Amino acid sequence: MQVVSLFSGIGGFDLASDWMGWKTVVTCEIDPFCQKVLKHYWPNAYHHNDIKNLNIETITSKSTWNPLAATVVVGGFP
């Protein structure tokens, strides 16, 4: 299972996903401190910094997301 994490914060959903054996492939978080935490714990994921300009083209070109595999989109909406 793949995870696309929006409004990721410090990665609460991503940590739970790891515990279930799922792979976080994309995170999106605007806060600089949270970005550092996400990059530290998920170095192989693509990290985007602004939801306003994240789109499918960016995800497919810059991440390891496979559109044919099962994907869960999670979000800690503000």
PDB file of N, CA and C in Angstrom:
ATOM      1  N   MET A   1       0.851  -1.177   0.000  1.00  0.00           N
ATOM      2  CA  MET A   1       0.000   0.000   0.000  1.00  0.00           C
ATOM      3  C   MET A   1       0.893   1.236   0.000  1.00  0.00           C
ATOM      4  N   GLN A   2       0.539   2.207  -0.809  1.00  0.00           N
ATOM      5  CA  GLN A   2       1.256   3.476  -0.875  1.00  0.00           C
ATOM      6  C   GLN A   2       0.467   4.544  -0.135  1.00  0.00           C
ATOM      7  N   VAL A   3       1.197   5.525   0.407  1.00  0.00           N
ATOM      8  CA  VAL A   3       0.548   6.608   1.135  1.00  0.00           C
ATOM      9  C   VAL A   3       0.972   7.944   0.534  1.00  0.00           C
ATOM     10  N   VAL A   4      -0.011   8.791   0.239  1.00  0.00           N
ATOM     11  CA  VAL A   4       0.219  10.184  -0.128  1.00  0.00           C
ATOM     12  C   VAL A   4      -0.305  10.986   1.058  1.00  0.00           C
ATOM     13  N   SER A   5       0.591  11.721   1.698  1.00  0.00           N
ATOM     14  CA  SER A   5       0.268  12.418   2.942  1.00  0.00           C
ATOM     15  C   SER A   5       0.199  13.922   2.701  1.00  0.00           C
ATOM     16  N   LEU A   6      -0.975  14.504   2.923  1.00  0.00           N
ATOM     17  CA  LEU A   6      -1.173  15.936   2.727  1.00  0.00           C
ATOM     18  C   LEU A   6      -1.346  16.604   4.083  1.00  0.00           C
ATOM     19  N   PHE A   7      -0.890  17.841   4.199  1.00  0.00           N
ATOM     20  CA  PHE A   7      -0.923  18.547   5.489  1.00  0.00           C
ATOM     21  C   PHE A   7      -0.286  17.631   6.538  1.00  0.00           C
ATOM     22  N   SER A   8       0.919  17.168   6.244  1.00  0.00           N
ATOM     23  CA  SER A   8       1.555  16.061   6.952  1.00  0.00           C
ATOM     24  C   SER A   8       1.965  16.333   8.386  1.00  0.00           C
ATOM     25  N   GLY A   9       2.180  17.595   8.731  1.00  0.00           N
ATOM     26  CA  GLY A   9       2.656  17.886  10.082  1.00  0.00           C
ATOM     27  C   GLY A   9       3.993  17.198  10.313  1.00  0.00           C
ATOM     28  N   ILE A  10       4.147  16.557  11.472  1.00  0.00           N
ATOM     29  CA  ILE A  10       5.406  15.848  11.739  1.00  0.00           C
ATOM     30  C   ILE A  10       5.305  14.367  11.392  1.00  0.00           C
ATOM     31  N   GLY A  11       4.246  13.977  10.702  1.00  0.00           N
ATOM     32  CA  GLY A  11       4.162  12.622  10.173  1.00  0.00           C
ATOM     33  C   GLY A  11       3.421  11.608  11.019  1.00  0.00           C
ATOM     34  N   GLY A  12       2.429  12.026  11.759  1.00  0.00           N
ATOM     35  CA  GLY A  12       1.653  11.085  12.573  1.00  0.00           C
ATOM     36  C   GLY A  12       0.999   9.983  11.752  1.00  0.00           C
ATOM     37  N   PHE A  13       0.326  10.357  10.674  1.00  0.00           N
ATOM     38  CA  PHE A  13      -0.289   9.353   9.807  1.00  0.00           C
ATOM     39  C   PHE A  13       0.781   8.485   9.141  1.00  0.00           C
ATOM     40  N   ASP A  14       1.905   9.097   8.812  1.00  0.00           N
ATOM     41  CA  ASP A  14       2.982   8.373   8.138  1.00  0.00           C
ATOM     42  C   ASP A  14       3.613   7.338   9.068  1.00  0.00           C
ATOM     43  N   LEU A  15       3.759   7.694  10.331  1.00  0.00           N
ATOM     44  CA  LEU A  15       4.293   6.752  11.311  1.00  0.00           C
ATOM     45  C   LEU A  15       3.352   5.557  11.464  1.00  0.00           C
ATOM     46  N   ALA A  16       2.061   5.829  11.594  1.00  0.00           N
ATOM     47  CA  ALA A  16       1.083   4.741  11.692  1.00  0.00           C
ATOM     48  C   ALA A  16       1.109   3.879  10.427  1.00  0.00           C
ATOM     49  N   SER A  17       1.271   4.504   9.287  1.00  0.00           N
ATOM     50  CA  SER A  17       1.353   3.762   8.027  1.00  0.00           C
ATOM     51  C   SER A  17       2.571   2.853   8.011  1.00  0.00           C
ATOM     52  N   ASP A  18       3.693   3.351   8.496  1.00  0.00           N
ATOM     53  CA  ASP A  18       4.906   2.528   8.599  1.00  0.00           C
ATOM     54  C   ASP A  18       4.652   1.298   9.462  1.00  0.00           C
ATOM     55  N   TRP A  19       3.973   1.494  10.576  1.00  0.00           N
ATOM     56  CA  TRP A  19       3.681   0.377  11.484  1.00  0.00           C
ATOM     57  C   TRP A  19       2.845  -0.699  10.800  1.00  0.00           C
ATOM     58  N   MET A  20       2.040  -0.292   9.822  1.00  0.00           N
ATOM     59  CA  MET A  20       1.208  -1.251   9.096  1.00  0.00           C
ATOM     60  C   MET A  20       1.929  -1.828   7.878  1.00  0.00           C
ATOM     61  N   GLY A  21       3.160  -1.387   7.651  1.00  0.00           N
ATOM     62  CA  GLY A  21       3.922  -1.887   6.515  1.00  0.00           C
ATOM     63  C   GLY A  21       3.653  -1.152   5.217  1.00  0.00           C
ATOM     64  N   TRP A  22       2.991  -0.001   5.298  1.00  0.00           N
ATOM     65  CA  TRP A  22       2.718   0.793   4.111  1.00  0.00           C
ATOM     66  C   TRP A  22       3.881   1.737   3.846  1.00  0.00           C
ATOM     67  N   LYS A  23       3.997   2.220   2.611  1.00  0.00           N
ATOM     68  CA  LYS A  23       5.117   3.071   2.210  1.00  0.00           C
ATOM     69  C   LYS A  23       4.631   4.486   1.881  1.00  0.00           C
ATOM     70  N   THR A  24       5.157   5.465   2.607  1.00  0.00           N
ATOM     71  CA  THR A  24       4.845   6.863   2.307  1.00  0.00           C
ATOM     72  C   THR A  24       5.674   7.285   1.099  1.00  0.00           C
ATOM     73  N   VAL A  25       5.002   7.707   0.029  1.00  0.00           N
ATOM     74  CA  VAL A  25       5.697   8.087  -1.194  1.00  0.00           C
ATOM     75  C   VAL A  25       5.692   9.592  -1.433  1.00  0.00           C
ATOM     76  N   VAL A  26       4.745  10.302  -0.825  1.00  0.00           N
ATOM     77  CA  VAL A  26       4.643  11.759  -0.982  1.00  0.00           C
ATOM     78  C   VAL A  26       4.203  12.367   0.345  1.00  0.00           C
ATOM     79  N   THR A  27       4.855  13.469   0.726  1.00  0.00           N
ATOM     80  CA  THR A  27       4.362  14.284   1.838  1.00  0.00           C
ATOM     81  C   THR A  27       4.214  15.710   1.334  1.00  0.00           C
ATOM     82  N   CYS A  28       3.323  16.450   1.959  1.00  0.00           N
ATOM     83  CA  CYS A  28       3.149  17.859   1.616  1.00  0.00           C
ATOM     84  C   CYS A  28       2.914  18.633   2.910  1.00  0.00           C
ATOM     85  N   GLU A  29       3.851  19.496   3.242  1.00  0.00           N
ATOM     86  CA  GLU A  29       3.793  20.263   4.486  1.00  0.00           C
ATOM     87  C   GLU A  29       4.480  21.605   4.278  1.00  0.00           C
ATOM     88  N   ILE A  30       3.861  22.682   4.755  1.00  0.00           N
ATOM     89  CA  ILE A  30       4.396  24.026   4.558  1.00  0.00           C
ATOM     90  C   ILE A  30       5.322  24.479   5.689  1.00  0.00           C
ATOM     91  N   ASP A  31       5.163  23.930   6.883  1.00  0.00           N
ATOM     92  CA  ASP A  31       5.952  24.357   8.039  1.00  0.00           C
ATOM     93  C   ASP A  31       7.399  23.852   7.933  1.00  0.00           C
ATOM     94  N   PRO A  32       8.393  24.757   7.995  1.00  0.00           N
ATOM     95  CA  PRO A  32       9.793  24.364   7.818  1.00  0.00           C
ATOM     96  C   PRO A  32      10.297  23.345   8.847  1.00  0.00           C
ATOM     97  N   PHE A  33       9.907  23.484  10.114  1.00  0.00           N
ATOM     98  CA  PHE A  33      10.346  22.509  11.113  1.00  0.00           C
ATOM     99  C   PHE A  33       9.778  21.126  10.806  1.00  0.00           C
ATOM    100  N   CYS A  34       8.496  21.078  10.480  1.00  0.00           N
ATOM    101  CA  CYS A  34       7.863  19.799  10.151  1.00  0.00           C
ATOM    102  C   CYS A  34       8.507  19.174   8.910  1.00  0.00           C
ATOM    103  N   GLN A  35       8.876  20.000   7.938  1.00  0.00           N
ATOM    104  CA  GLN A  35       9.548  19.494   6.741  1.00  0.00           C
ATOM    105  C   GLN A  35      10.848  18.785   7.101  1.00  0.00           C
ATOM    106  N   LYS A  36      11.598  19.346   8.045  1.00  0.00           N
ATOM    107  CA  LYS A  36      12.854  18.717   8.478  1.00  0.00           C
ATOM    108  C   LYS A  36      12.595  17.354   9.100  1.00  0.00           C
ATOM    109  N   VAL A  37      11.565  17.268   9.927  1.00  0.00           N
ATOM    110  CA  VAL A  37      11.217  15.994  10.570  1.00  0.00           C
ATOM    111  C   VAL A  37      10.833  14.962   9.503  1.00  0.00           C
ATOM    112  N   LEU A  38       9.989  15.365   8.571  1.00  0.00           N
ATOM    113  CA  LEU A  38       9.553  14.451   7.516  1.00  0.00           C
ATOM    114  C   LEU A  38      10.729  13.966   6.676  1.00  0.00           C
ATOM    115  N   LYS A  39      11.620  14.862   6.304  1.00  0.00           N
ATOM    116  CA  LYS A  39      12.781  14.487   5.491  1.00  0.00           C
ATOM    117  C   LYS A  39      13.716  13.554   6.248  1.00  0.00           C
ATOM    118  N   HIS A  40      13.785  13.726   7.560  1.00  0.00           N
ATOM    119  CA  HIS A  40      14.640  12.861   8.372  1.00  0.00           C
ATOM    120  C   HIS A  40      14.099  11.433   8.432  1.00  0.00           C
ATOM    121  N   TYR A  41      12.801  11.298   8.723  1.00  0.00           N
ATOM    122  CA  TYR A  41      12.212   9.979   8.920  1.00  0.00           C
ATOM    123  C   TYR A  41      11.766   9.290   7.632  1.00  0.00           C
ATOM    124  N   TRP A  42      11.498  10.053   6.580  1.00  0.00           N
ATOM    125  CA  TRP A  42      11.085   9.477   5.295  1.00  0.00           C
ATOM    126  C   TRP A  42      11.958  10.050   4.177  1.00  0.00           C
ATOM    127  N   PRO A  43      13.242   9.703   4.184  1.00  0.00           N
ATOM    128  CA  PRO A  43      14.165  10.294   3.196  1.00  0.00           C
ATOM    129  C   PRO A  43      13.893   9.865   1.755  1.00  0.00           C
ATOM    130  N   ASN A  44      13.196   8.768   1.556  1.00  0.00           N
ATOM    131  CA  ASN A  44      12.939   8.282   0.198  1.00  0.00           C
ATOM    132  C   ASN A  44      11.628   8.783  -0.395  1.00  0.00           C
ATOM    133  N   ALA A  45      10.851   9.508   0.393  1.00  0.00           N
ATOM    134  CA  ALA A  45       9.592  10.067  -0.104  1.00  0.00           C
ATOM    135  C   ALA A  45       9.871  11.397  -0.807  1.00  0.00           C
ATOM    136  N   TYR A  46       8.963  11.771  -1.679  1.00  0.00           N
ATOM    137  CA  TYR A  46       9.036  13.104  -2.285  1.00  0.00           C
ATOM    138  C   TYR A  46       8.349  14.071  -1.322  1.00  0.00           C
ATOM    139  N   HIS A  47       9.023  15.168  -0.983  1.00  0.00           N
ATOM    140  CA  HIS A  47       8.488  16.148  -0.040  1.00  0.00           C
ATOM    141  C   HIS A  47       8.171  17.442  -0.772  1.00  0.00           C
ATOM    142  N   HIS A  48       6.914  17.791  -0.754  1.00  0.00           N
ATOM    143  CA  HIS A  48       6.462  19.029  -1.396  1.00  0.00           C
ATOM    144  C   HIS A  48       6.101  20.017  -0.301  1.00  0.00           C
ATOM    145  N   ASN A  49       6.264  21.311  -0.577  1.00  0.00           N
ATOM    146  CA  ASN A  49       6.086  22.289   0.504  1.00  0.00           C
ATOM    147  C   ASN A  49       4.834  23.154   0.426  1.00  0.00           C
ATOM    148  N   ASP A  50       4.021  23.022  -0.611  1.00  0.00           N
ATOM    149  CA  ASP A  50       2.846  23.893  -0.697  1.00  0.00           C
ATOM    150  C   ASP A  50       1.704  23.191  -1.424  1.00  0.00           C
ATOM    151  N   ILE A  51       0.646  22.918  -0.716  1.00  0.00           N
ATOM    152  CA  ILE A  51      -0.501  22.203  -1.283  1.00  0.00           C
ATOM    153  C   ILE A  51      -1.124  22.966  -2.453  1.00  0.00           C
ATOM    154  N   LYS A  52      -0.954  24.283  -2.470  1.00  0.00           N
ATOM    155  CA  LYS A  52      -1.576  25.095  -3.518  1.00  0.00           C
ATOM    156  C   LYS A  52      -0.990  24.824  -4.901  1.00  0.00           C
ATOM    157  N   ASN A  53       0.219  24.269  -4.967  1.00  0.00           N
ATOM    158  CA  ASN A  53       0.779  23.980  -6.287  1.00  0.00           C
ATOM    159  C   ASN A  53       1.217  22.525  -6.442  1.00  0.00           C
ATOM    160  N   LEU A  54       0.669  21.643  -5.622  1.00  0.00           N
ATOM    161  CA  LEU A  54       0.906  20.210  -5.793  1.00  0.00           C
ATOM    162  C   LEU A  54      -0.133  19.668  -6.759  1.00  0.00           C
ATOM    163  N   ASN A  55       0.311  18.953  -7.770  1.00  0.00           N
ATOM    164  CA  ASN A  55      -0.623  18.396  -8.746  1.00  0.00           C
ATOM    165  C   ASN A  55      -0.162  17.012  -9.181  1.00  0.00           C
ATOM    166  N   ILE A  56      -0.974  16.342  -9.947  1.00  0.00           N
ATOM    167  CA  ILE A  56      -0.692  14.969 -10.353  1.00  0.00           C
ATOM    168  C   ILE A  56       0.577  14.872 -11.198  1.00  0.00           C
ATOM    169  N   GLU A  57       0.839  15.870 -12.007  1.00  0.00           N
ATOM    170  CA  GLU A  57       2.048  15.858 -12.826  1.00  0.00           C
ATOM    171  C   GLU A  57       3.301  15.896 -11.951  1.00  0.00           C
ATOM    172  N   THR A  58       3.275  16.713 -10.913  1.00  0.00           N
ATOM    173  CA  THR A  58       4.405  16.793  -9.996  1.00  0.00           C
ATOM    174  C   THR A  58       4.589  15.471  -9.269  1.00  0.00           C
ATOM    175  N   ILE A  59       3.507  14.912  -8.792  1.00  0.00           N
ATOM    176  CA  ILE A  59       3.598  13.641  -8.065  1.00  0.00           C
ATOM    177  C   ILE A  59       4.157  12.540  -8.952  1.00  0.00           C
ATOM    178  N   THR A  60       3.667  12.427 -10.168  1.00  0.00           N
ATOM    179  CA  THR A  60       4.127  11.346 -11.042  1.00  0.00           C
ATOM    180  C   THR A  60       5.559  11.543 -11.512  1.00  0.00           C
ATOM    181  N   SER A  61       5.991  12.778 -11.655  1.00  0.00           N
ATOM    182  CA  SER A  61       7.350  13.004 -12.164  1.00  0.00           C
ATOM    183  C   SER A  61       8.420  13.023 -11.073  1.00  0.00           C
ATOM    184  N   LYS A  62       8.059  13.357  -9.835  1.00  0.00           N
ATOM    185  CA  LYS A  62       9.076  13.532  -8.798  1.00  0.00           C
ATOM    186  C   LYS A  62       9.038  12.484  -7.693  1.00  0.00           C
ATOM    187  N   SER A  63       8.055  11.609  -7.686  1.00  0.00           N
ATOM    188  CA  SER A  63       7.969  10.619  -6.615  1.00  0.00           C
ATOM    189  C   SER A  63       8.024   9.210  -7.200  1.00  0.00           C
ATOM    190  N   THR A  64       8.010   8.246  -6.306  1.00  0.00           N
ATOM    191  CA  THR A  64       7.986   6.843  -6.729  1.00  0.00           C
ATOM    192  C   THR A  64       6.566   6.297  -6.758  1.00  0.00           C
ATOM    193  N   TRP A  65       5.572   7.167  -6.675  1.00  0.00           N
ATOM    194  CA  TRP A  65       4.173   6.748  -6.674  1.00  0.00           C
ATOM    195  C   TRP A  65       3.845   5.955  -7.931  1.00  0.00           C
ATOM    196  N   ASN A  66       3.191   4.828  -7.745  1.00  0.00           N
ATOM    197  CA  ASN A  66       2.758   3.986  -8.855  1.00  0.00           C
ATOM    198  C   ASN A  66       1.238   4.113  -8.973  1.00  0.00           C
ATOM    199  N   PRO A  67       0.733   4.729 -10.027  1.00  0.00           N
ATOM    200  CA  PRO A  67      -0.713   4.937 -10.148  1.00  0.00           C
ATOM    201  C   PRO A  67      -1.509   3.637 -10.289  1.00  0.00           C
ATOM    202  N   LEU A  68      -0.840   2.539 -10.564  1.00  0.00           N
ATOM    203  CA  LEU A  68      -1.539   1.266 -10.708  1.00  0.00           C
ATOM    204  C   LEU A  68      -1.631   0.502  -9.393  1.00  0.00           C
ATOM    205  N   ALA A  69      -0.900   0.935  -8.380  1.00  0.00           N
ATOM    206  CA  ALA A  69      -0.908   0.256  -7.075  1.00  0.00           C
ATOM    207  C   ALA A  69      -1.910   0.932  -6.144  1.00  0.00           C
ATOM    208  N   ALA A  70      -2.350   0.189  -5.154  1.00  0.00           N
ATOM    209  CA  ALA A  70      -3.296   0.730  -4.178  1.00  0.00           C
ATOM    210  C   ALA A  70      -2.664   1.901  -3.441  1.00  0.00           C
ATOM    211  N   THR A  71      -3.436   2.977  -3.287  1.00  0.00           N
ATOM    212  CA  THR A  71      -2.935   4.196  -2.660  1.00  0.00           C
ATOM    213  C   THR A  71      -3.961   4.722  -1.666  1.00  0.00           C
ATOM    214  N   VAL A  72      -3.445   5.158  -0.512  1.00  0.00           N
ATOM    215  CA  VAL A  72      -4.286   5.811   0.485  1.00  0.00           C
ATOM    216  C   VAL A  72      -3.814   7.255   0.567  1.00  0.00           C
ATOM    217  N   VAL A  73      -4.768   8.189   0.514  1.00  0.00           N
ATOM    218  CA  VAL A  73      -4.451   9.600   0.684  1.00  0.00           C
ATOM    219  C   VAL A  73      -4.917   9.986   2.092  1.00  0.00           C
ATOM    220  N   VAL A  74      -3.971  10.482   2.897  1.00  0.00           N
ATOM    221  CA  VAL A  74      -4.293  10.899   4.264  1.00  0.00           C
ATOM    222  C   VAL A  74      -4.011  12.384   4.403  1.00  0.00           C
ATOM    223  N   GLY A  75      -4.654  13.012   5.378  1.00  0.00           N
ATOM    224  CA  GLY A  75      -4.419  14.433   5.569  1.00  0.00           C
ATOM    225  C   GLY A  75      -4.810  14.891   6.944  1.00  0.00           C
ATOM    226  N   GLY A  76      -3.945  15.695   7.521  1.00  0.00           N
ATOM    227  CA  GLY A  76      -4.233  16.341   8.802  1.00  0.00           C
ATOM    228  C   GLY A  76      -4.649  17.758   8.521  1.00  0.00           C
ATOM    229  N   PHE A  77      -5.815  17.925   7.936  1.00  0.00           N
ATOM    230  CA  PHE A  77      -6.247  19.236   7.478  1.00  0.00           C
ATOM    231  C   PHE A  77      -6.303  20.237   8.618  1.00  0.00           C
ATOM    232  N   PRO A  78      -5.805  21.461   8.346  1.00  0.00           N
ATOM    233  CA  PRO A  78      -5.728  22.484   9.405  1.00  0.00           C
ATOM    234  C   PRO A  78      -7.100  22.962   9.852  1.00  0.00           C
TER     235      PRO A  78
END
